[in-house]
């Protein structure tokens, strides 16, 4: 089991959270998604460690931007 938290730019409401959750749940191996709109973060739980590029594609498909870690 793996859990990773990402910063997502552009989320402002519950609808935003739903769009991001829906896209992330389509990734193979994802077992849970927890969005915190207030902090702009998403925590993804999965069977294995996910490659950040896969997460980025899903977030962008939902219409938002994954903020790179610095």
N, C-alpha and C. Protein backbone atom coordinates (compact mmCIF):
# COMPACT_ATOMS: atom_id res chain seq x y z
N UNK A 1 0.84 -1.17 0.00
CA UNK A 1 0.00 0.00 0.00
C UNK A 1 0.89 1.24 0.00
N UNK A 2 0.50 2.22 -0.78
CA UNK A 2 1.26 3.46 -0.89
C UNK A 2 0.30 4.64 -0.84
N UNK A 3 0.70 5.72 -0.20
CA UNK A 3 -0.09 6.95 -0.17
C UNK A 3 0.83 8.12 -0.50
N UNK A 4 0.38 8.95 -1.44
CA UNK A 4 1.15 10.13 -1.82
C UNK A 4 0.23 11.33 -1.87
N UNK A 5 0.76 12.48 -1.44
CA UNK A 5 -0.02 13.72 -1.47
C UNK A 5 0.57 14.64 -2.53
N UNK A 6 -0.32 15.24 -3.30
CA UNK A 6 0.06 16.13 -4.39
C UNK A 6 -0.64 17.47 -4.22
N UNK A 7 -0.02 18.53 -4.73
CA UNK A 7 -0.63 19.85 -4.75
C UNK A 7 -1.24 20.04 -6.13
N UNK A 8 -2.52 20.45 -6.14
CA UNK A 8 -3.24 20.66 -7.39
C UNK A 8 -3.70 22.11 -7.45
N UNK A 9 -3.34 22.80 -8.51
CA UNK A 9 -3.70 24.21 -8.68
C UNK A 9 -5.02 24.30 -9.45
N UNK A 10 -5.91 25.19 -8.96
CA UNK A 10 -7.13 25.48 -9.69
C UNK A 10 -8.40 24.94 -9.07
N UNK A 11 -8.30 24.10 -8.05
CA UNK A 11 -9.50 23.56 -7.41
C UNK A 11 -10.09 24.62 -6.48
N UNK A 12 -11.42 24.83 -6.59
CA UNK A 12 -12.04 25.86 -5.78
C UNK A 12 -13.30 25.41 -5.05
N UNK A 13 -13.82 24.22 -5.38
CA UNK A 13 -15.09 23.82 -4.78
C UNK A 13 -15.24 22.30 -4.79
N UNK A 14 -16.36 21.84 -4.29
CA UNK A 14 -16.65 20.41 -4.25
C UNK A 14 -16.75 19.79 -5.63
N UNK A 15 -17.24 20.56 -6.60
CA UNK A 15 -17.31 20.03 -7.97
C UNK A 15 -15.92 19.79 -8.52
N UNK A 16 -15.00 20.69 -8.21
CA UNK A 16 -13.61 20.52 -8.63
C UNK A 16 -13.05 19.23 -8.03
N UNK A 17 -13.30 19.04 -6.75
CA UNK A 17 -12.81 17.83 -6.06
C UNK A 17 -13.39 16.58 -6.72
N UNK A 18 -14.65 16.63 -7.09
CA UNK A 18 -15.29 15.47 -7.72
C UNK A 18 -14.65 15.14 -9.06
N UNK A 19 -14.36 16.18 -9.86
CA UNK A 19 -13.73 15.95 -11.17
C UNK A 19 -12.35 15.31 -11.00
N UNK A 20 -11.56 15.84 -10.08
CA UNK A 20 -10.21 15.31 -9.84
C UNK A 20 -10.30 13.88 -9.32
N UNK A 21 -11.19 13.65 -8.37
CA UNK A 21 -11.36 12.30 -7.80
C UNK A 21 -11.74 11.30 -8.88
N UNK A 22 -12.69 11.67 -9.71
CA UNK A 22 -13.16 10.77 -10.78
C UNK A 22 -12.03 10.36 -11.71
N UNK A 23 -11.20 11.33 -12.10
CA UNK A 23 -10.09 11.01 -13.00
C UNK A 23 -9.03 10.16 -12.32
N UNK A 24 -8.68 10.49 -11.08
CA UNK A 24 -7.65 9.73 -10.37
C UNK A 24 -8.10 8.30 -10.10
N UNK A 25 -9.38 8.10 -9.87
CA UNK A 25 -9.88 6.74 -9.62
C UNK A 25 -9.81 5.84 -10.83
N UNK A 26 -9.58 6.41 -12.03
CA UNK A 26 -9.46 5.58 -13.23
C UNK A 26 -8.07 4.97 -13.37
N UNK A 27 -7.11 5.44 -12.57
CA UNK A 27 -5.75 4.91 -12.63
C UNK A 27 -5.72 3.51 -12.01
N UNK A 28 -5.14 2.58 -12.74
CA UNK A 28 -5.04 1.20 -12.25
C UNK A 28 -4.30 1.16 -10.92
N UNK A 29 -4.88 0.46 -9.95
CA UNK A 29 -4.24 0.28 -8.66
C UNK A 29 -4.65 1.30 -7.60
N UNK A 30 -5.33 2.37 -8.00
CA UNK A 30 -5.76 3.38 -7.03
C UNK A 30 -6.88 2.81 -6.17
N UNK A 31 -6.71 2.91 -4.86
CA UNK A 31 -7.70 2.37 -3.92
C UNK A 31 -8.46 3.45 -3.17
N UNK A 32 -7.95 4.70 -3.22
CA UNK A 32 -8.63 5.78 -2.54
C UNK A 32 -8.09 7.13 -2.95
N UNK A 33 -8.97 8.14 -2.92
CA UNK A 33 -8.59 9.51 -3.24
C UNK A 33 -9.24 10.42 -2.21
N UNK A 34 -8.44 11.28 -1.59
CA UNK A 34 -8.96 12.25 -0.62
C UNK A 34 -8.51 13.64 -1.05
N UNK A 35 -9.49 14.49 -1.38
CA UNK A 35 -9.20 15.84 -1.85
C UNK A 35 -9.49 16.84 -0.74
N UNK A 36 -8.56 17.75 -0.52
CA UNK A 36 -8.76 18.86 0.42
C UNK A 36 -8.70 20.14 -0.40
N UNK A 37 -9.87 20.63 -0.79
CA UNK A 37 -9.95 21.81 -1.64
C UNK A 37 -9.31 23.02 -0.96
N UNK A 38 -9.54 23.16 0.32
CA UNK A 38 -9.03 24.31 1.07
C UNK A 38 -7.51 24.44 0.98
N UNK A 39 -6.81 23.31 1.11
CA UNK A 39 -5.35 23.34 1.04
C UNK A 39 -4.82 23.09 -0.36
N UNK A 40 -5.71 22.69 -1.28
CA UNK A 40 -5.30 22.41 -2.65
C UNK A 40 -4.50 21.13 -2.79
N UNK A 41 -4.77 20.17 -1.92
CA UNK A 41 -4.02 18.91 -1.97
C UNK A 41 -4.92 17.72 -2.27
N UNK A 42 -4.30 16.70 -2.81
CA UNK A 42 -4.97 15.44 -3.09
C UNK A 42 -4.07 14.32 -2.57
N UNK A 43 -4.63 13.43 -1.77
CA UNK A 43 -3.88 12.26 -1.31
C UNK A 43 -4.43 11.04 -2.03
N UNK A 44 -3.54 10.32 -2.69
CA UNK A 44 -3.92 9.15 -3.47
C UNK A 44 -3.33 7.91 -2.80
N UNK A 45 -4.20 6.96 -2.50
CA UNK A 45 -3.77 5.68 -1.94
C UNK A 45 -3.85 4.65 -3.06
N UNK A 46 -2.81 3.82 -3.16
CA UNK A 46 -2.76 2.85 -4.25
C UNK A 46 -2.05 1.58 -3.80
N UNK A 47 -2.23 0.53 -4.59
CA UNK A 47 -1.59 -0.75 -4.32
C UNK A 47 -0.08 -0.65 -4.43
N UNK A 48 0.39 0.17 -5.38
CA UNK A 48 1.82 0.35 -5.62
C UNK A 48 2.11 1.84 -5.77
N UNK A 49 3.37 2.21 -5.71
CA UNK A 49 3.76 3.60 -5.90
C UNK A 49 3.41 4.00 -7.34
N UNK A 50 2.73 5.15 -7.47
CA UNK A 50 2.34 5.64 -8.79
C UNK A 50 3.41 6.57 -9.34
N UNK A 51 3.61 6.50 -10.63
CA UNK A 51 4.54 7.43 -11.29
C UNK A 51 3.85 8.78 -11.37
N UNK A 52 4.55 9.85 -11.03
CA UNK A 52 3.96 11.18 -11.00
C UNK A 52 3.39 11.60 -12.36
N UNK A 53 3.97 11.11 -13.45
CA UNK A 53 3.47 11.45 -14.78
C UNK A 53 2.05 10.92 -14.99
N UNK A 54 1.76 9.76 -14.44
CA UNK A 54 0.42 9.16 -14.56
C UNK A 54 -0.59 10.01 -13.78
N UNK A 55 -0.19 10.45 -12.61
CA UNK A 55 -1.05 11.30 -11.78
C UNK A 55 -1.27 12.63 -12.48
N UNK A 56 -0.21 13.19 -13.04
CA UNK A 56 -0.30 14.47 -13.74
C UNK A 56 -1.30 14.40 -14.90
N UNK A 57 -1.24 13.35 -15.69
CA UNK A 57 -2.16 13.20 -16.82
C UNK A 57 -3.61 13.18 -16.33
N UNK A 58 -3.88 12.45 -15.27
CA UNK A 58 -5.25 12.36 -14.74
C UNK A 58 -5.73 13.72 -14.23
N UNK A 59 -4.87 14.43 -13.52
CA UNK A 59 -5.24 15.76 -12.99
C UNK A 59 -5.50 16.73 -14.14
N UNK A 60 -4.65 16.70 -15.16
CA UNK A 60 -4.84 17.58 -16.31
C UNK A 60 -6.09 17.21 -17.09
N UNK A 61 -6.41 15.94 -17.16
CA UNK A 61 -7.63 15.49 -17.83
C UNK A 61 -8.87 16.07 -17.12
N UNK A 62 -8.76 16.25 -15.82
CA UNK A 62 -9.86 16.83 -15.04
C UNK A 62 -9.91 18.35 -15.21
N UNK A 63 -8.87 18.94 -15.79
CA UNK A 63 -8.87 20.38 -16.04
C UNK A 63 -8.07 21.19 -15.04
N UNK A 64 -7.16 20.54 -14.32
CA UNK A 64 -6.39 21.22 -13.28
C UNK A 64 -4.91 20.97 -13.50
N UNK A 65 -4.08 21.58 -12.67
CA UNK A 65 -2.63 21.49 -12.85
C UNK A 65 -1.97 20.90 -11.61
N UNK A 66 -1.15 19.88 -11.83
CA UNK A 66 -0.37 19.29 -10.75
C UNK A 66 0.87 20.16 -10.56
N UNK A 67 1.06 20.66 -9.34
CA UNK A 67 2.18 21.55 -9.06
C UNK A 67 3.42 20.70 -8.77
N UNK A 68 4.52 20.96 -9.49
CA UNK A 68 5.73 20.18 -9.26
C UNK A 68 6.28 20.39 -7.86
N UNK A 69 6.84 19.33 -7.31
CA UNK A 69 7.49 19.45 -6.00
C UNK A 69 8.80 20.18 -6.19
N UNK A 70 9.10 21.05 -5.21
CA UNK A 70 10.36 21.81 -5.32
C UNK A 70 11.31 21.41 -4.23
